Amino acid sequence: MINIADVKYDLSVLLPAGEQISLTTLASGLSWEEQPNELAVRLSFSIRNQKWNGKWLHQQLQLGARTILKADWGQGWKEIHQGIIFDWDYTQDGNGVLKIKSYDMLIYLLRSKDDRWYKNGTQASVIIRDIAKAWNIPLGQMDLPGVALAAQPFRSQTLASMLTSVIDQVRSRGKGHYIIRASNGKMHVVKAGQNKPIYQFDADVVSSASDQQDIENLVTRVKIVSKQAGEVEHEGPGQGTKKTRLKIDDTVNGQTKYGILQEIIYSQQYDTVAAVREAAQEVLKERGKPRRRRSVTAPDLPFLRRGDKVYIAAGTLLGYYIIDGIQHDADNRSMTMEVVDHE
């Protein structure tokens, strides 16, 4: 049993020369968050400018310096976030205020673009390992099953979007929901909902719970098409261009009671007809129901991450859920979780 009153936080900055500055008693507005569609965790805090070892803090906390956040919830100090300062904002008001944002190592994948190509049949895990190695990011836990993908031509895309595409394709083939995240200096690919223990949040500990529904992103029909070369269209002597025609191979219907809201899948992106059908069914599984946005605010458990499973019994929420996004607020010892259904 965790006593929230006993949860403690420790924030420090590691300077390039190796010196470490403790900011635990100086920082305010300390928070960190994982957004649903972003790989890197962002840490934010503010400090009043003052001198440390004879130099102003704003002179020492420079871009590229390392931040280290630890927490203790009764089991000893554990590292929660290791980041790199990417955003430095100084405002003069009296002594001056310095606002800092740092991101974990996966920020380099979000901010970097590349051209990469992987041949048909390459395993999803091989692609992820190759990208991590190219960016000198150590790889830790790898939960992905053996899944061979179709050819992957990535053109001027961020490395993060490449990794997300690979994970999405694994999921679209019904092989499970996986999360890419960083901890303890390594990148991990973990299966969602495998954390132990699973924490329960009842109405008596939840300060707020919201539940919103809409069909803005709904898909009720998936059309499977293939490209076929058509006739040559002549534009002049010796010149001509081939027109590409689209052939409808199949149509998969979902909840058309909401009207026709159509998505298209190209069969060339998959190895077999069965894989294409599986992908179409996965689209309907993912987007074939009214969308629900559900969030819960509760006392902070600093170790909870995106991809962790929780049990919630508050408001209209009852059952097991996967954390899709989370924001921790150290000042108020609270956290807000965005959750989705557990598969």
Foldseek 3Di string as FASTA:
>chain_A
DFDLVPKAKWKWWQFPVGDIGTCRVFWAFWKWKDALQDAKIKTKIKGQWDDDPRHTPLVTLDFQIKMWMWMCRPPDIDTQDIWTWDDWDWDDDPSIMIMTMTIGPCVQLVPDWDWDKDAFFDWLVVVVVVLCVVVVAAADAEPADGDTFHIDTGDRDRSSVVNVVSQVLCVLLVNAHWGWHDDPRHIYIGGFAPDPPAAEAEAVFWPDKDKDWALPQAAFKEWEKEKDWADWDDDDVPDTDIDIDIDTPDMDGHPCVVPHDYDYDYPNRGDDPVSSVSSRVSCCVVRVDIDMKMKIKGFDDSNDDQRHKHAYHHDPGGGIWGFSMKMAGPVVRMMMTTTDHDD
